[in-house]
Every structure is written in C-alpha cells, then in structure tokens.
C-alpha cells in the first residue's frame, strides 16, 4: 500500500511539472501582412479563369492557352 501511495504521489508531481513547462500560444507571425495586393492588378484565380473560358466556349489548345494567359494576369480578348 505504501508503494502505491508513493507511485501516485510521484505521478501527480510529474504531471504538475509537465503542465508548468508548457508554453502559451503566440500570435502568428503572418497575422498582419506588410504588403498588400491591389485587387485590380492581381492575377485572377483559376476558378475565375475557368469560368471565363467556359463563357467563351473555349476548348482544347485555345482553352489551354487562354488559361495560361489568364492565370499569368495577361489581358486576353
């Protein structure tokens, strides 16, 4: 019975020490970006380019070239 009490006390003390050594969460370093992207000059997303290609009924090589140009931010007609 004495050994059981000693083991329980040891487990309790070691658990308390483990909790004392944990660190608190810090704010992410990228929470406030220093550079901002102008939405007017930003390249469109893939979803936007796909929708535009579908609206223009592009297929095959024409669609592939359009998607490449669109994602690169090039103005396409």
PDB file of N, CA and C in Angstrom:
ATOM      1  N   UNK A   1       0.827  -1.188   0.000  1.00  0.00           N
ATOM      2  CA  UNK A   1       0.000   0.000   0.000  1.00  0.00           C
ATOM      3  C   UNK A   1       0.872   1.253   0.000  1.00  0.00           C
ATOM      4  N   UNK A   2       2.004   1.169   0.706  1.00  0.00           N
ATOM      5  CA  UNK A   2       2.912   2.305   0.772  1.00  0.00           C
ATOM      6  C   UNK A   2       3.501   2.605  -0.601  1.00  0.00           C
ATOM      7  N   UNK A   3       3.823   1.567  -1.376  1.00  0.00           N
ATOM      8  CA  UNK A   3       4.393   1.755  -2.720  1.00  0.00           C
ATOM      9  C   UNK A   3       3.372   2.409  -3.644  1.00  0.00           C
ATOM     10  N   UNK A   4       2.119   1.997  -3.528  1.00  0.00           N
ATOM     11  CA  UNK A   4       1.060   2.566  -4.348  1.00  0.00           C
ATOM     12  C   UNK A   4       0.898   4.054  -4.064  1.00  0.00           C
ATOM     13  N   UNK A   5       0.960   4.440  -2.798  1.00  0.00           N
ATOM     14  CA  UNK A   5       0.857   5.856  -2.431  1.00  0.00           C
ATOM     15  C   UNK A   5       2.034   6.654  -2.979  1.00  0.00           C
ATOM     16  N   UNK A   6       3.221   6.100  -2.920  1.00  0.00           N
ATOM     17  CA  UNK A   6       4.417   6.779  -3.427  1.00  0.00           C
ATOM     18  C   UNK A   6       4.320   6.948  -4.944  1.00  0.00           C
ATOM     19  N   UNK A   7       3.879   5.902  -5.635  1.00  0.00           N
ATOM     20  CA  UNK A   7       3.735   5.984  -7.092  1.00  0.00           C
ATOM     21  C   UNK A   7       2.684   7.013  -7.493  1.00  0.00           C
ATOM     22  N   UNK A   8       1.580   7.059  -6.781  1.00  0.00           N
ATOM     23  CA  UNK A   8       0.532   8.028  -7.073  1.00  0.00           C
ATOM     24  C   UNK A   8       1.029   9.446  -6.849  1.00  0.00           C
ATOM     25  N   UNK A   9       1.757   9.664  -5.774  1.00  0.00           N
ATOM     26  CA  UNK A   9       2.311  10.983  -5.482  1.00  0.00           C
ATOM     27  C   UNK A   9       3.341  11.379  -6.537  1.00  0.00           C
ATOM     28  N   UNK A  10       4.175  10.458  -6.950  1.00  0.00           N
ATOM     29  CA  UNK A  10       5.176  10.729  -7.988  1.00  0.00           C
ATOM     30  C   UNK A  10       4.506  11.094  -9.305  1.00  0.00           C
ATOM     31  N   UNK A  11       3.477  10.354  -9.670  1.00  0.00           N
ATOM     32  CA  UNK A  11       2.747  10.632 -10.907  1.00  0.00           C
ATOM     33  C   UNK A  11       2.102  12.015 -10.857  1.00  0.00           C
ATOM     34  N   UNK A  12       1.537  12.370  -9.723  1.00  0.00           N
ATOM     35  CA  UNK A  12       0.905  13.675  -9.564  1.00  0.00           C
ATOM     36  C   UNK A  12       1.916  14.804  -9.689  1.00  0.00           C
ATOM     37  N   UNK A  13       3.058  14.653  -9.049  1.00  0.00           N
ATOM     38  CA  UNK A  13       4.088  15.691  -9.097  1.00  0.00           C
ATOM     39  C   UNK A  13       4.702  15.824 -10.493  1.00  0.00           C
ATOM     40  N   UNK A  14       4.912  14.721 -11.180  1.00  0.00           N
ATOM     41  CA  UNK A  14       5.499  14.807 -12.519  1.00  0.00           C
ATOM     42  C   UNK A  14       4.510  15.397 -13.517  1.00  0.00           C
ATOM     43  N   UNK A  15       3.234  15.136 -13.336  1.00  0.00           N
ATOM     44  CA  UNK A  15       2.219  15.728 -14.209  1.00  0.00           C
ATOM     45  C   UNK A  15       2.152  17.226 -13.998  1.00  0.00           C
ATOM     46  N   UNK A  16       2.235  17.672 -12.767  1.00  0.00           N
ATOM     47  CA  UNK A  16       2.207  19.098 -12.463  1.00  0.00           C
ATOM     48  C   UNK A  16       3.410  19.792 -13.091  1.00  0.00           C
ATOM     49  N   UNK A  17       4.571  19.168 -13.047  1.00  0.00           N
ATOM     50  CA  UNK A  17       5.770  19.750 -13.642  1.00  0.00           C
ATOM     51  C   UNK A  17       5.620  19.840 -15.154  1.00  0.00           C
ATOM     52  N   UNK A  18       4.982  18.866 -15.764  1.00  0.00           N
ATOM     53  CA  UNK A  18       4.785  18.882 -17.213  1.00  0.00           C
ATOM     54  C   UNK A  18       3.869  20.034 -17.613  1.00  0.00           C
ATOM     55  N   UNK A  19       2.831  20.283 -16.838  1.00  0.00           N
ATOM     56  CA  UNK A  19       1.943  21.394 -17.141  1.00  0.00           C
ATOM     57  C   UNK A  19       2.646  22.732 -16.942  1.00  0.00           C
ATOM     58  N   UNK A  20       3.521  22.819 -15.999  1.00  0.00           N
ATOM     59  CA  UNK A  20       4.227  24.062 -15.725  1.00  0.00           C
ATOM     60  C   UNK A  20       5.199  24.409 -16.845  1.00  0.00           C
ATOM     61  N   UNK A  21       5.663  23.408 -17.592  1.00  0.00           N
ATOM     62  CA  UNK A  21       6.636  23.655 -18.639  1.00  0.00           C
ATOM     63  C   UNK A  21       6.010  23.960 -19.993  1.00  0.00           C
ATOM     64  N   UNK A  22       4.706  23.874 -20.129  1.00  0.00           N
ATOM     65  CA  UNK A  22       4.080  24.150 -21.413  1.00  0.00           C
ATOM     66  C   UNK A  22       4.128  25.641 -21.694  1.00  0.00           C
ATOM     67  N   UNK A  23       4.208  25.971 -22.972  1.00  0.00           N
ATOM     68  CA  UNK A  23       4.267  27.373 -23.368  1.00  0.00           C
ATOM     69  C   UNK A  23       2.896  27.830 -23.845  1.00  0.00           C
ATOM     70  N   UNK A  24       2.674  29.099 -23.788  1.00  0.00           N
ATOM     71  CA  UNK A  24       1.413  29.651 -24.251  1.00  0.00           C
ATOM     72  C   UNK A  24       1.508  29.909 -25.748  1.00  0.00           C
ATOM     73  N   UNK A  25       0.383  29.911 -26.388  1.00  0.00           N
ATOM     74  CA  UNK A  25       0.340  30.154 -27.830  1.00  0.00           C
ATOM     75  C   UNK A  25       0.645  31.625 -28.105  1.00  0.00           C
ATOM     76  N   UNK A  26       1.429  31.857 -29.119  1.00  0.00           N
ATOM     77  CA  UNK A  26       1.734  33.225 -29.518  1.00  0.00           C
ATOM     78  C   UNK A  26       0.991  33.547 -30.795  1.00  0.00           C
ATOM     79  N   UNK A  27       0.847  34.791 -31.070  1.00  0.00           N
ATOM     80  CA  UNK A  27       0.166  35.228 -32.281  1.00  0.00           C
ATOM     81  C   UNK A  27       0.970  34.813 -33.499  1.00  0.00           C
ATOM     82  N   UNK A  28       0.297  34.383 -34.560  1.00  0.00           N
ATOM     83  CA  UNK A  28       1.025  34.010 -35.769  1.00  0.00           C
ATOM     84  C   UNK A  28       1.806  35.198 -36.318  1.00  0.00           C
ATOM     85  N   UNK A  29       2.965  34.908 -36.873  1.00  0.00           N
ATOM     86  CA  UNK A  29       3.803  35.990 -37.376  1.00  0.00           C
ATOM     87  C   UNK A  29       3.241  36.615 -38.640  1.00  0.00           C
ATOM     88  N   UNK A  30       2.399  35.894 -39.359  1.00  0.00           N
ATOM     89  CA  UNK A  30       1.843  36.445 -40.587  1.00  0.00           C
ATOM     90  C   UNK A  30       0.437  37.007 -40.371  1.00  0.00           C
ATOM     91  N   UNK A  31       0.092  37.364 -39.151  1.00  0.00           N
ATOM     92  CA  UNK A  31      -1.238  37.870 -38.849  1.00  0.00           C
ATOM     93  C   UNK A  31      -1.491  39.215 -39.513  1.00  0.00           C
ATOM     94  N   UNK A  32      -0.468  40.041 -39.612  1.00  0.00           N
ATOM     95  CA  UNK A  32      -0.649  41.332 -40.270  1.00  0.00           C
ATOM     96  C   UNK A  32       0.378  41.457 -41.395  1.00  0.00           C
ATOM     97  N   UNK A  33      -0.028  41.145 -42.613  1.00  0.00           N
ATOM     98  CA  UNK A  33       0.931  41.198 -43.716  1.00  0.00           C
ATOM     99  C   UNK A  33       1.424  42.629 -43.948  1.00  0.00           C
ATOM    100  N   UNK A  34       2.680  42.728 -44.309  1.00  0.00           N
ATOM    101  CA  UNK A  34       3.255  44.043 -44.518  1.00  0.00           C
ATOM    102  C   UNK A  34       3.018  44.541 -45.931  1.00  0.00           C
ATOM    103  N   UNK A  35       2.753  43.626 -46.848  1.00  0.00           N
ATOM    104  CA  UNK A  35       2.471  44.029 -48.213  1.00  0.00           C
ATOM    105  C   UNK A  35       1.041  43.660 -48.551  1.00  0.00           C
ATOM    106  N   UNK A  36       0.404  44.487 -49.321  1.00  0.00           N
ATOM    107  CA  UNK A  36      -0.956  44.195 -49.733  1.00  0.00           C
ATOM    108  C   UNK A  36      -0.999  44.115 -51.250  1.00  0.00           C
ATOM    109  N   UNK A  37      -1.909  43.313 -51.738  1.00  0.00           N
ATOM    110  CA  UNK A  37      -2.055  43.129 -53.175  1.00  0.00           C
ATOM    111  C   UNK A  37      -3.234  43.957 -53.640  1.00  0.00           C
ATOM    112  N   UNK A  38      -3.003  44.728 -54.660  1.00  0.00           N
ATOM    113  CA  UNK A  38      -4.073  45.525 -55.238  1.00  0.00           C
ATOM    114  C   UNK A  38      -4.979  44.598 -56.038  1.00  0.00           C
ATOM    115  N   UNK A  39      -6.258  44.462 -55.682  1.00  0.00           N
ATOM    116  CA  UNK A  39      -7.141  43.542 -56.389  1.00  0.00           C
ATOM    117  C   UNK A  39      -7.287  43.868 -57.875  1.00  0.00           C
ATOM    118  N   UNK A  40      -7.120  45.118 -58.243  1.00  0.00           N
ATOM    119  CA  UNK A  40      -7.260  45.493 -59.645  1.00  0.00           C
ATOM    120  C   UNK A  40      -6.107  44.957 -60.487  1.00  0.00           C
ATOM    121  N   UNK A  41      -4.927  44.783 -59.896  1.00  0.00           N
ATOM    122  CA  UNK A  41      -3.772  44.323 -60.649  1.00  0.00           C
ATOM    123  C   UNK A  41      -3.416  42.875 -60.349  1.00  0.00           C
ATOM    124  N   UNK A  42      -4.105  42.241 -59.412  1.00  0.00           N
ATOM    125  CA  UNK A  42      -3.800  40.860 -59.050  1.00  0.00           C
ATOM    126  C   UNK A  42      -4.250  39.915 -60.160  1.00  0.00           C
ATOM    127  N   UNK A  43      -3.504  38.832 -60.353  1.00  0.00           N
ATOM    128  CA  UNK A  43      -3.878  37.832 -61.350  1.00  0.00           C
ATOM    129  C   UNK A  43      -5.145  37.119 -60.878  1.00  0.00           C
ATOM    130  N   UNK A  44      -6.046  36.817 -61.788  1.00  0.00           N
ATOM    131  CA  UNK A  44      -7.281  36.127 -61.401  1.00  0.00           C
ATOM    132  C   UNK A  44      -7.000  34.699 -60.922  1.00  0.00           C
ATOM    133  N   UNK A  45      -7.930  34.176 -60.177  1.00  0.00           N
ATOM    134  CA  UNK A  45      -7.782  32.819 -59.674  1.00  0.00           C
ATOM    135  C   UNK A  45      -8.104  31.823 -60.775  1.00  0.00           C
ATOM    136  N   UNK A  46      -7.763  30.569 -60.554  1.00  0.00           N
ATOM    137  CA  UNK A  46      -8.046  29.520 -61.528  1.00  0.00           C
ATOM    138  C   UNK A  46      -9.546  29.400 -61.769  1.00  0.00           C
ATOM    139  N   UNK A  47     -10.325  29.523 -60.691  1.00  0.00           N
ATOM    140  CA  UNK A  47     -11.778  29.414 -60.831  1.00  0.00           C
ATOM    141  C   UNK A  47     -12.329  30.521 -61.724  1.00  0.00           C
ATOM    142  N   UNK A  48     -11.801  31.712 -61.568  1.00  0.00           N
ATOM    143  CA  UNK A  48     -12.252  32.836 -62.392  1.00  0.00           C
ATOM    144  C   UNK A  48     -11.895  32.596 -63.850  1.00  0.00           C
ATOM    145  N   UNK A  49     -10.679  32.126 -64.094  1.00  0.00           N
ATOM    146  CA  UNK A  49     -10.238  31.859 -65.461  1.00  0.00           C
ATOM    147  C   UNK A  49     -11.065  30.741 -66.093  1.00  0.00           C
ATOM    148  N   UNK A  50     -11.374  29.693 -65.318  1.00  0.00           N
ATOM    149  CA  UNK A  50     -12.189  28.603 -65.843  1.00  0.00           C
ATOM    150  C   UNK A  50     -13.569  29.092 -66.246  1.00  0.00           C
ATOM    151  N   UNK A  51     -14.154  29.935 -65.416  1.00  0.00           N
ATOM    152  CA  UNK A  51     -15.481  30.460 -65.709  1.00  0.00           C
ATOM    153  C   UNK A  51     -15.447  31.294 -66.982  1.00  0.00           C
ATOM    154  N   UNK A  52     -14.427  32.128 -67.114  1.00  0.00           N
ATOM    155  CA  UNK A  52     -14.325  32.960 -68.312  1.00  0.00           C
ATOM    156  C   UNK A  52     -14.119  32.101 -69.554  1.00  0.00           C
ATOM    157  N   UNK A  53     -13.308  31.060 -69.453  1.00  0.00           N
ATOM    158  CA  UNK A  53     -13.075  30.170 -70.594  1.00  0.00           C
ATOM    159  C   UNK A  53     -14.359  29.449 -70.978  1.00  0.00           C
ATOM    160  N   UNK A  54     -15.144  29.047 -69.984  1.00  0.00           N
ATOM    161  CA  UNK A  54     -16.411  28.377 -70.254  1.00  0.00           C
ATOM    162  C   UNK A  54     -17.385  29.342 -70.919  1.00  0.00           C
ATOM    163  N   UNK A  55     -17.424  30.578 -70.422  1.00  0.00           N
ATOM    164  CA  UNK A  55     -18.315  31.577 -71.004  1.00  0.00           C
ATOM    165  C   UNK A  55     -17.969  31.858 -72.469  1.00  0.00           C
ATOM    166  N   UNK A  56     -16.690  31.730 -72.812  1.00  0.00           N
ATOM    167  CA  UNK A  56     -16.246  31.968 -74.189  1.00  0.00           C
ATOM    168  C   UNK A  56     -16.298  30.704 -75.040  1.00  0.00           C
ATOM    169  N   UNK A  57     -16.753  29.588 -74.444  1.00  0.00           N
ATOM    170  CA  UNK A  57     -16.857  28.300 -75.138  1.00  0.00           C
ATOM    171  C   UNK A  57     -15.529  27.857 -75.739  1.00  0.00           C
ATOM    172  N   UNK A  58     -14.436  28.032 -74.988  1.00  0.00           N
ATOM    173  CA  UNK A  58     -13.122  27.631 -75.467  1.00  0.00           C
ATOM    174  C   UNK A  58     -12.886  26.158 -75.151  1.00  0.00           C
ATOM    175  N   UNK A  59     -12.232  25.460 -76.085  1.00  0.00           N
ATOM    176  CA  UNK A  59     -11.888  24.058 -75.875  1.00  0.00           C
ATOM    177  C   UNK A  59     -10.493  23.786 -76.406  1.00  0.00           C
ATOM    178  N   UNK A  60      -9.913  22.682 -75.959  1.00  0.00           N
ATOM    179  CA  UNK A  60      -8.635  22.217 -76.488  1.00  0.00           C
ATOM    180  C   UNK A  60      -7.487  23.168 -76.255  1.00  0.00           C
ATOM    181  N   UNK A  61      -6.691  23.347 -77.311  1.00  0.00           N
ATOM    182  CA  UNK A  61      -5.483  24.177 -77.230  1.00  0.00           C
ATOM    183  C   UNK A  61      -5.821  25.640 -76.956  1.00  0.00           C
ATOM    184  N   UNK A  62      -6.939  26.109 -77.507  1.00  0.00           N
ATOM    185  CA  UNK A  62      -7.337  27.504 -77.272  1.00  0.00           C
ATOM    186  C   UNK A  62      -7.634  27.736 -75.790  1.00  0.00           C
ATOM    187  N   UNK A  63      -8.333  26.771 -75.190  1.00  0.00           N
ATOM    188  CA  UNK A  63      -8.650  26.892 -73.755  1.00  0.00           C
ATOM    189  C   UNK A  63      -7.368  26.837 -72.918  1.00  0.00           C
ATOM    190  N   UNK A  64      -6.466  25.923 -73.260  1.00  0.00           N
ATOM    191  CA  UNK A  64      -5.219  25.794 -72.514  1.00  0.00           C
ATOM    192  C   UNK A  64      -4.401  27.089 -72.583  1.00  0.00           C
ATOM    193  N   UNK A  65      -4.315  27.672 -73.763  1.00  0.00           N
ATOM    194  CA  UNK A  65      -3.569  28.920 -73.917  1.00  0.00           C
ATOM    195  C   UNK A  65      -4.257  30.058 -73.162  1.00  0.00           C
ATOM    196  N   UNK A  66      -5.583  30.092 -73.224  1.00  0.00           N
ATOM    197  CA  UNK A  66      -6.330  31.122 -72.505  1.00  0.00           C
ATOM    198  C   UNK A  66      -6.115  31.002 -71.002  1.00  0.00           C
ATOM    199  N   UNK A  67      -6.170  29.768 -70.485  1.00  0.00           N
ATOM    200  CA  UNK A  67      -5.970  29.554 -69.051  1.00  0.00           C
ATOM    201  C   UNK A  67      -4.571  29.980 -68.630  1.00  0.00           C
ATOM    202  N   UNK A  68      -3.584  29.655 -69.439  1.00  0.00           N
ATOM    203  CA  UNK A  68      -2.202  30.029 -69.132  1.00  0.00           C
ATOM    204  C   UNK A  68      -2.067  31.547 -69.077  1.00  0.00           C
ATOM    205  N   UNK A  69      -2.596  32.223 -70.082  1.00  0.00           N
ATOM    206  CA  UNK A  69      -2.518  33.689 -70.133  1.00  0.00           C
ATOM    207  C   UNK A  69      -3.316  34.329 -69.008  1.00  0.00           C
ATOM    208  N   UNK A  70      -4.493  33.782 -68.752  1.00  0.00           N
ATOM    209  CA  UNK A  70      -5.370  34.347 -67.727  1.00  0.00           C
ATOM    210  C   UNK A  70      -4.729  34.249 -66.343  1.00  0.00           C
ATOM    211  N   UNK A  71      -4.187  33.075 -65.992  1.00  0.00           N
ATOM    212  CA  UNK A  71      -3.565  32.903 -64.675  1.00  0.00           C
ATOM    213  C   UNK A  71      -2.292  33.735 -64.531  1.00  0.00           C
ATOM    214  N   UNK A  72      -1.652  34.033 -65.643  1.00  0.00           N
ATOM    215  CA  UNK A  72      -0.454  34.859 -65.588  1.00  0.00           C
ATOM    216  C   UNK A  72      -0.819  36.334 -65.440  1.00  0.00           C
ATOM    217  N   UNK A  73      -2.109  36.647 -65.620  1.00  0.00           N
ATOM    218  CA  UNK A  73      -2.560  38.025 -65.472  1.00  0.00           C
ATOM    219  C   UNK A  73      -2.508  38.797 -66.767  1.00  0.00           C
ATOM    220  N   UNK A  74      -2.241  38.116 -67.876  1.00  0.00           N
ATOM    221  CA  UNK A  74      -2.204  38.795 -69.168  1.00  0.00           C
ATOM    222  C   UNK A  74      -3.622  39.113 -69.617  1.00  0.00           C
ATOM    223  N   UNK A  75      -3.797  40.242 -70.234  1.00  0.00           N
ATOM    224  CA  UNK A  75      -5.100  40.630 -70.752  1.00  0.00           C
ATOM    225  C   UNK A  75      -5.388  39.803 -72.010  1.00  0.00           C
ATOM    226  N   UNK A  76      -6.523  39.138 -72.017  1.00  0.00           N
ATOM    227  CA  UNK A  76      -6.923  38.346 -73.175  1.00  0.00           C
ATOM    228  C   UNK A  76      -8.230  38.880 -73.702  1.00  0.00           C
ATOM    229  N   UNK A  77      -8.425  38.724 -74.979  1.00  0.00           N
ATOM    230  CA  UNK A  77      -9.678  39.255 -75.592  1.00  0.00           C
ATOM    231  C   UNK A  77     -10.755  38.216 -75.613  1.00  0.00           C
TER     232      UNK A  77
END
